[in-house]
Amino acid sequence: MNDPIFGEAKEALEELSQDPRARRLAEERWLGEVNYRLTVAQERREGREEGREEGRPMRCAKL
């Protein structure tokens, strides 16, 4: 890991992390991703439950 590009990248990251605007944008991006994942997970749970509810009468009718 003696490649100079890693040192340059580390320096750039450290410099960028000192910029309040860049940090705020990174946090907003992260929060957006978290919100998206939570929303998708909730929609999937609701969809599965709806599917189960719709499937129950059909199974009972076949018996």
N, C-alpha and C. Protein backbone atom coordinates (compact mmCIF):
# COMPACT_ATOMS: atom_id res chain seq x y z
N MET A 1 0.82 -1.20 0.00
CA MET A 1 0.00 0.00 0.00
C MET A 1 0.87 1.26 0.00
N ASN A 2 1.98 1.20 -0.64
CA ASN A 2 2.85 2.37 -0.71
C ASN A 2 2.59 3.21 -1.93
N ASP A 3 1.50 2.94 -2.61
CA ASP A 3 1.15 3.69 -3.81
C ASP A 3 0.84 5.14 -3.42
N PRO A 4 1.48 6.11 -4.04
CA PRO A 4 1.26 7.51 -3.68
C PRO A 4 -0.18 7.98 -3.90
N ILE A 5 -0.91 7.32 -4.76
CA ILE A 5 -2.28 7.73 -5.03
C ILE A 5 -3.14 7.58 -3.78
N PHE A 6 -2.83 6.56 -2.93
CA PHE A 6 -3.58 6.37 -1.70
C PHE A 6 -3.32 7.52 -0.72
N GLY A 7 -2.10 7.97 -0.66
CA GLY A 7 -1.76 9.11 0.19
C GLY A 7 -2.48 10.37 -0.26
N GLU A 8 -2.50 10.58 -1.58
CA GLU A 8 -3.20 11.74 -2.13
C GLU A 8 -4.70 11.66 -1.86
N ALA A 9 -5.25 10.46 -2.00
CA ALA A 9 -6.69 10.29 -1.76
C ALA A 9 -7.01 10.54 -0.29
N LYS A 10 -6.15 10.05 0.60
CA LYS A 10 -6.37 10.26 2.03
C LYS A 10 -6.31 11.75 2.37
N GLU A 11 -5.35 12.45 1.82
CA GLU A 11 -5.24 13.89 2.06
C GLU A 11 -6.47 14.62 1.54
N ALA A 12 -6.92 14.26 0.36
CA ALA A 12 -8.10 14.91 -0.21
C ALA A 12 -9.33 14.64 0.65
N LEU A 13 -9.47 13.42 1.14
CA LEU A 13 -10.61 13.07 1.98
C LEU A 13 -10.56 13.84 3.30
N GLU A 14 -9.39 13.94 3.90
CA GLU A 14 -9.25 14.69 5.15
C GLU A 14 -9.58 16.17 4.94
N GLU A 15 -9.12 16.71 3.83
CA GLU A 15 -9.40 18.12 3.52
C GLU A 15 -10.90 18.32 3.29
N LEU A 16 -11.48 17.43 2.56
CA LEU A 16 -12.91 17.53 2.26
C LEU A 16 -13.75 17.39 3.53
N SER A 17 -13.33 16.53 4.43
CA SER A 17 -14.10 16.31 5.65
C SER A 17 -14.06 17.52 6.58
N GLN A 18 -13.14 18.44 6.35
CA GLN A 18 -13.07 19.67 7.15
C GLN A 18 -14.03 20.74 6.62
N ASP A 19 -14.55 20.54 5.43
CA ASP A 19 -15.45 21.51 4.81
C ASP A 19 -16.87 21.27 5.32
N PRO A 20 -17.44 22.20 6.08
CA PRO A 20 -18.78 21.99 6.65
C PRO A 20 -19.86 21.75 5.59
N ARG A 21 -19.75 22.43 4.47
CA ARG A 21 -20.75 22.25 3.40
C ARG A 21 -20.67 20.84 2.83
N ALA A 22 -19.47 20.36 2.59
CA ALA A 22 -19.28 19.01 2.06
C ALA A 22 -19.77 17.97 3.06
N ARG A 23 -19.50 18.19 4.33
CA ARG A 23 -19.98 17.26 5.36
C ARG A 23 -21.50 17.25 5.42
N ARG A 24 -22.12 18.43 5.31
CA ARG A 24 -23.57 18.51 5.35
C ARG A 24 -24.18 17.79 4.15
N LEU A 25 -23.61 17.98 2.98
CA LEU A 25 -24.10 17.30 1.78
C LEU A 25 -23.96 15.78 1.91
N ALA A 26 -22.85 15.34 2.46
CA ALA A 26 -22.64 13.90 2.63
C ALA A 26 -23.66 13.33 3.62
N GLU A 27 -23.93 14.08 4.68
CA GLU A 27 -24.91 13.62 5.66
C GLU A 27 -26.31 13.58 5.05
N GLU A 28 -26.66 14.60 4.27
CA GLU A 28 -27.97 14.60 3.61
C GLU A 28 -28.11 13.43 2.65
N ARG A 29 -27.05 13.14 1.92
CA ARG A 29 -27.05 12.02 0.99
C ARG A 29 -27.25 10.71 1.75
N TRP A 30 -26.52 10.56 2.86
CA TRP A 30 -26.64 9.36 3.69
C TRP A 30 -28.05 9.22 4.26
N LEU A 31 -28.60 10.32 4.78
CA LEU A 31 -29.95 10.27 5.34
C LEU A 31 -30.98 9.94 4.26
N GLY A 32 -30.79 10.45 3.07
CA GLY A 32 -31.68 10.12 1.96
C GLY A 32 -31.65 8.64 1.63
N GLU A 33 -30.47 8.06 1.65
CA GLU A 33 -30.34 6.63 1.38
C GLU A 33 -31.01 5.80 2.48
N VAL A 34 -30.81 6.20 3.73
CA VAL A 34 -31.44 5.50 4.85
C VAL A 34 -32.96 5.59 4.72
N ASN A 35 -33.47 6.78 4.44
CA ASN A 35 -34.90 6.97 4.28
C ASN A 35 -35.45 6.11 3.14
N TYR A 36 -34.75 6.06 2.03
CA TYR A 36 -35.18 5.25 0.89
C TYR A 36 -35.27 3.77 1.28
N ARG A 37 -34.22 3.28 1.93
CA ARG A 37 -34.21 1.86 2.31
C ARG A 37 -35.32 1.52 3.30
N LEU A 38 -35.56 2.42 4.26
CA LEU A 38 -36.64 2.18 5.22
C LEU A 38 -38.01 2.19 4.53
N THR A 39 -38.19 3.11 3.59
CA THR A 39 -39.45 3.18 2.86
C THR A 39 -39.69 1.93 2.03
N VAL A 40 -38.68 1.47 1.33
CA VAL A 40 -38.80 0.26 0.52
C VAL A 40 -39.12 -0.94 1.41
N ALA A 41 -38.46 -1.05 2.54
CA ALA A 41 -38.71 -2.17 3.45
C ALA A 41 -40.14 -2.14 3.97
N GLN A 42 -40.62 -0.96 4.31
CA GLN A 42 -42.00 -0.83 4.81
C GLN A 42 -43.00 -1.19 3.71
N GLU A 43 -42.76 -0.73 2.50
CA GLU A 43 -43.66 -1.06 1.39
C GLU A 43 -43.70 -2.56 1.14
N ARG A 44 -42.56 -3.21 1.24
CA ARG A 44 -42.51 -4.66 1.04
C ARG A 44 -43.32 -5.38 2.13
N ARG A 45 -43.14 -4.95 3.38
CA ARG A 45 -43.91 -5.56 4.47
C ARG A 45 -45.41 -5.40 4.23
N GLU A 46 -45.82 -4.19 3.86
CA GLU A 46 -47.24 -3.94 3.62
C GLU A 46 -47.75 -4.77 2.44
N GLY A 47 -46.94 -4.89 1.40
CA GLY A 47 -47.33 -5.68 0.24
C GLY A 47 -47.48 -7.15 0.57
N ARG A 48 -46.57 -7.67 1.36
CA ARG A 48 -46.67 -9.08 1.76
C ARG A 48 -47.92 -9.31 2.60
N GLU A 49 -48.17 -8.41 3.54
CA GLU A 49 -49.35 -8.56 4.38
C GLU A 49 -50.63 -8.48 3.54
N GLU A 50 -50.66 -7.56 2.61
CA GLU A 50 -51.83 -7.43 1.73
C GLU A 50 -52.01 -8.71 0.91
N GLY A 51 -50.92 -9.26 0.43
CA GLY A 51 -50.99 -10.50 -0.34
C GLY A 51 -51.49 -11.65 0.50
N ARG A 52 -51.05 -11.71 1.74
CA ARG A 52 -51.53 -12.77 2.63
C ARG A 52 -53.03 -12.62 2.89
N GLU A 53 -53.46 -11.39 3.13
CA GLU A 53 -54.88 -11.16 3.39
C GLU A 53 -55.74 -11.53 2.19
N GLU A 54 -55.28 -11.20 1.00
CA GLU A 54 -56.04 -11.53 -0.21
C GLU A 54 -55.99 -13.03 -0.49
N GLY A 55 -54.92 -13.68 -0.11
CA GLY A 55 -54.75 -15.10 -0.37
C GLY A 55 -55.54 -15.99 0.56
N ARG A 56 -55.83 -15.52 1.74
CA ARG A 56 -56.55 -16.34 2.74
C ARG A 56 -57.94 -16.75 2.25
N PRO A 57 -58.76 -15.82 1.80
CA PRO A 57 -60.10 -16.23 1.35
C PRO A 57 -60.04 -17.22 0.17
N MET A 58 -59.06 -17.05 -0.68
CA MET A 58 -58.94 -17.93 -1.84
C MET A 58 -58.62 -19.36 -1.40
N ARG A 59 -57.73 -19.50 -0.42
CA ARG A 59 -57.38 -20.84 0.07
C ARG A 59 -58.57 -21.49 0.74
N CYS A 60 -59.32 -20.73 1.52
CA CYS A 60 -60.48 -21.27 2.20
C CYS A 60 -61.56 -21.66 1.20
N ALA A 61 -61.71 -20.92 0.13
CA ALA A 61 -62.73 -21.20 -0.87
C ALA A 61 -62.43 -22.51 -1.61
N LYS A 62 -61.16 -22.83 -1.79
CA LYS A 62 -60.78 -24.03 -2.52
C LYS A 62 -61.05 -25.30 -1.70
N LEU A 63 -61.09 -25.17 -0.39
CA LEU A 63 -61.32 -26.34 0.46
C LEU A 63 -62.78 -26.67 0.40
